[in-house]
Amino acid sequence: MIICFCSGVTDSDISEAIAAIRTSDPRAVITPGKVYRALGKAPRCGGCVREFVDHMRSDEQFAVPAELRGLRPPTPAVEPEAAEPPLRPAV
């Protein structure tokens, strides 16, 4: 199935690129940009991004390697600040 009509990228192209990236560097964090570069192509209009990323996420080789998960400490939840009253126009 064609995912990106502008560049002619199919779902199997994406899967093959992910497999190639993972084979060359098992610890790689795979991004859409890396997939496009591996295919020798570039995104144009951006209309395919959502479907492109959804297909990447569904690929079993896409996941972040286990040894790279949880490296960043969790960030505390930040309470939204109270909304300031709107400014009144000068009369």
C-alpha atoms as a PDB file:
ATOM      1  CA  MET A   1       0.000   0.000   0.000  1.00  0.00           C
ATOM      2  CA  ILE A   2       1.325   3.454  -0.852  1.00  0.00           C
ATOM      3  CA  ILE A   3       1.810   5.592   2.258  1.00  0.00           C
ATOM      4  CA  CYS A   4       3.500   8.648   0.731  1.00  0.00           C
ATOM      5  CA  PHE A   5       2.265   9.485  -2.754  1.00  0.00           C
ATOM      6  CA  CYS A   6       4.663  12.438  -3.190  1.00  0.00           C
ATOM      7  CA  SER A   7       7.741  10.237  -2.746  1.00  0.00           C
ATOM      8  CA  GLY A   8       6.225   6.887  -3.724  1.00  0.00           C
ATOM      9  CA  VAL A   9       6.909   5.234  -0.348  1.00  0.00           C
ATOM     10  CA  THR A  10       4.988   2.042   0.395  1.00  0.00           C
ATOM     11  CA  ASP A  11       4.314   0.260   3.666  1.00  0.00           C
ATOM     12  CA  SER A  12       6.798  -2.455   2.698  1.00  0.00           C
ATOM     13  CA  ASP A  13       9.444   0.233   1.936  1.00  0.00           C
ATOM     14  CA  ILE A  14       9.016   1.560   5.469  1.00  0.00           C
ATOM     15  CA  SER A  15       9.283  -1.930   7.003  1.00  0.00           C
ATOM     16  CA  GLU A  16      12.371  -2.741   4.939  1.00  0.00           C
ATOM     17  CA  ALA A  17      14.028   0.554   5.894  1.00  0.00           C
ATOM     18  CA  ILE A  18      13.306  -0.052   9.590  1.00  0.00           C
ATOM     19  CA  ALA A  19      14.799  -3.553   9.312  1.00  0.00           C
ATOM     20  CA  ALA A  20      17.905  -2.171   7.586  1.00  0.00           C
ATOM     21  CA  ILE A  21      18.357   0.573  10.193  1.00  0.00           C
ATOM     22  CA  ARG A  22      17.887  -1.889  13.049  1.00  0.00           C
ATOM     23  CA  THR A  23      20.353  -4.344  11.465  1.00  0.00           C
ATOM     24  CA  SER A  24      23.024  -1.688  10.970  1.00  0.00           C
ATOM     25  CA  ASP A  25      22.565  -0.222  14.472  1.00  0.00           C
ATOM     26  CA  PRO A  26      20.514  -2.269  16.959  1.00  0.00           C
ATOM     27  CA  ARG A  27      20.485   0.681  19.387  1.00  0.00           C
ATOM     28  CA  ALA A  28      19.212   3.249  16.874  1.00  0.00           C
ATOM     29  CA  VAL A  29      16.231   5.386  17.700  1.00  0.00           C
ATOM     30  CA  ILE A  30      14.301   5.248  14.449  1.00  0.00           C
ATOM     31  CA  THR A  31      12.644   8.426  13.213  1.00  0.00           C
ATOM     32  CA  PRO A  32      10.674   9.222  10.059  1.00  0.00           C
ATOM     33  CA  GLY A  33      13.662  11.235   8.833  1.00  0.00           C
ATOM     34  CA  LYS A  34      15.967   8.243   9.205  1.00  0.00           C
ATOM     35  CA  VAL A  35      13.498   6.075   7.297  1.00  0.00           C
ATOM     36  CA  TYR A  36      13.252   8.583   4.447  1.00  0.00           C
ATOM     37  CA  ARG A  37      17.065   8.904   4.316  1.00  0.00           C
ATOM     38  CA  ALA A  38      17.457   5.129   4.270  1.00  0.00           C
ATOM     39  CA  LEU A  39      15.130   5.076   1.266  1.00  0.00           C
ATOM     40  CA  GLY A  40      16.981   7.928  -0.434  1.00  0.00           C
ATOM     41  CA  LYS A  41      13.814  10.030  -0.444  1.00  0.00           C
ATOM     42  CA  ALA A  42      12.372  13.047   1.322  1.00  0.00           C
ATOM     43  CA  PRO A  43       8.885  14.048   2.472  1.00  0.00           C
ATOM     44  CA  ARG A  44       7.256  16.841   0.498  1.00  0.00           C
ATOM     45  CA  CYS A  45       3.756  17.934   1.498  1.00  0.00           C
ATOM     46  CA  GLY A  46       3.556  16.244   4.922  1.00  0.00           C
ATOM     47  CA  GLY A  47       0.076  14.867   4.301  1.00  0.00           C
ATOM     48  CA  CYS A  48       1.288  11.322   4.931  1.00  0.00           C
ATOM     49  CA  VAL A  49       3.012  11.939   8.264  1.00  0.00           C
ATOM     50  CA  ARG A  50       0.254  10.529  10.477  1.00  0.00           C
ATOM     51  CA  GLU A  51      -0.122   7.327   8.436  1.00  0.00           C
ATOM     52  CA  PHE A  52       3.662   7.075   7.985  1.00  0.00           C
ATOM     53  CA  VAL A  53       4.251   7.230  11.758  1.00  0.00           C
ATOM     54  CA  ASP A  54       1.328   4.881  12.483  1.00  0.00           C
ATOM     55  CA  HIS A  55       2.865   2.316  10.143  1.00  0.00           C
ATOM     56  CA  MET A  56       6.294   2.781  11.739  1.00  0.00           C
ATOM     57  CA  ARG A  57       4.809   2.208  15.215  1.00  0.00           C
ATOM     58  CA  SER A  58       3.064  -0.966  14.074  1.00  0.00           C
ATOM     59  CA  ASP A  59       6.358  -2.494  12.881  1.00  0.00           C
ATOM     60  CA  GLU A  60       7.735  -4.991  15.410  1.00  0.00           C
ATOM     61  CA  GLN A  61      11.329  -3.802  14.885  1.00  0.00           C
ATOM     62  CA  PHE A  62      10.459  -0.143  15.537  1.00  0.00           C
ATOM     63  CA  ALA A  63      10.459  -0.208  19.348  1.00  0.00           C
ATOM     64  CA  VAL A  64      13.153   1.634  21.272  1.00  0.00           C
ATOM     65  CA  PRO A  65      15.730  -0.948  22.421  1.00  0.00           C
ATOM     66  CA  ALA A  66      15.199  -2.083  26.022  1.00  0.00           C
ATOM     67  CA  GLU A  67      18.589  -0.796  27.185  1.00  0.00           C
ATOM     68  CA  LEU A  68      17.649   2.714  26.025  1.00  0.00           C
ATOM     69  CA  ARG A  69      14.259   2.861  27.735  1.00  0.00           C
ATOM     70  CA  GLY A  70      13.875   4.772  30.957  1.00  0.00           C
ATOM     71  CA  LEU A  71      17.169   6.669  30.716  1.00  0.00           C
ATOM     72  CA  ARG A  72      15.566  10.011  31.442  1.00  0.00           C
ATOM     73  CA  PRO A  73      14.259  10.470  34.985  1.00  0.00           C
ATOM     74  CA  PRO A  74      10.507  11.025  35.143  1.00  0.00           C
ATOM     75  CA  THR A  75       9.480  14.652  35.127  1.00  0.00           C
ATOM     76  CA  PRO A  76       7.148  15.839  37.867  1.00  0.00           C
ATOM     77  CA  ALA A  77       3.661  16.863  36.863  1.00  0.00           C
ATOM     78  CA  VAL A  78       3.370  20.626  36.582  1.00  0.00           C
ATOM     79  CA  GLU A  79       0.208  22.299  37.755  1.00  0.00           C
ATOM     80  CA  PRO A  80      -1.156  24.801  35.276  1.00  0.00           C
ATOM     81  CA  GLU A  81      -0.891  28.343  36.572  1.00  0.00           C
ATOM     82  CA  ALA A  82      -4.079  30.120  37.481  1.00  0.00           C
ATOM     83  CA  ALA A  83      -5.403  32.062  34.563  1.00  0.00           C
ATOM     84  CA  GLU A  84      -4.837  35.782  34.827  1.00  0.00           C
ATOM     85  CA  PRO A  85      -7.859  37.998  34.367  1.00  0.00           C
ATOM     86  CA  PRO A  86      -8.086  39.567  30.897  1.00  0.00           C
ATOM     87  CA  LEU A  87      -6.794  43.109  30.505  1.00  0.00           C
ATOM     88  CA  ARG A  88      -9.415  45.791  30.150  1.00  0.00           C
ATOM     89  CA  PRO A  89      -9.053  48.149  27.223  1.00  0.00           C
ATOM     90  CA  ALA A  90      -8.124  51.727  28.104  1.00  0.00           C
ATOM     91  CA  VAL A  91     -11.098  54.062  28.004  1.00  0.00           C
END
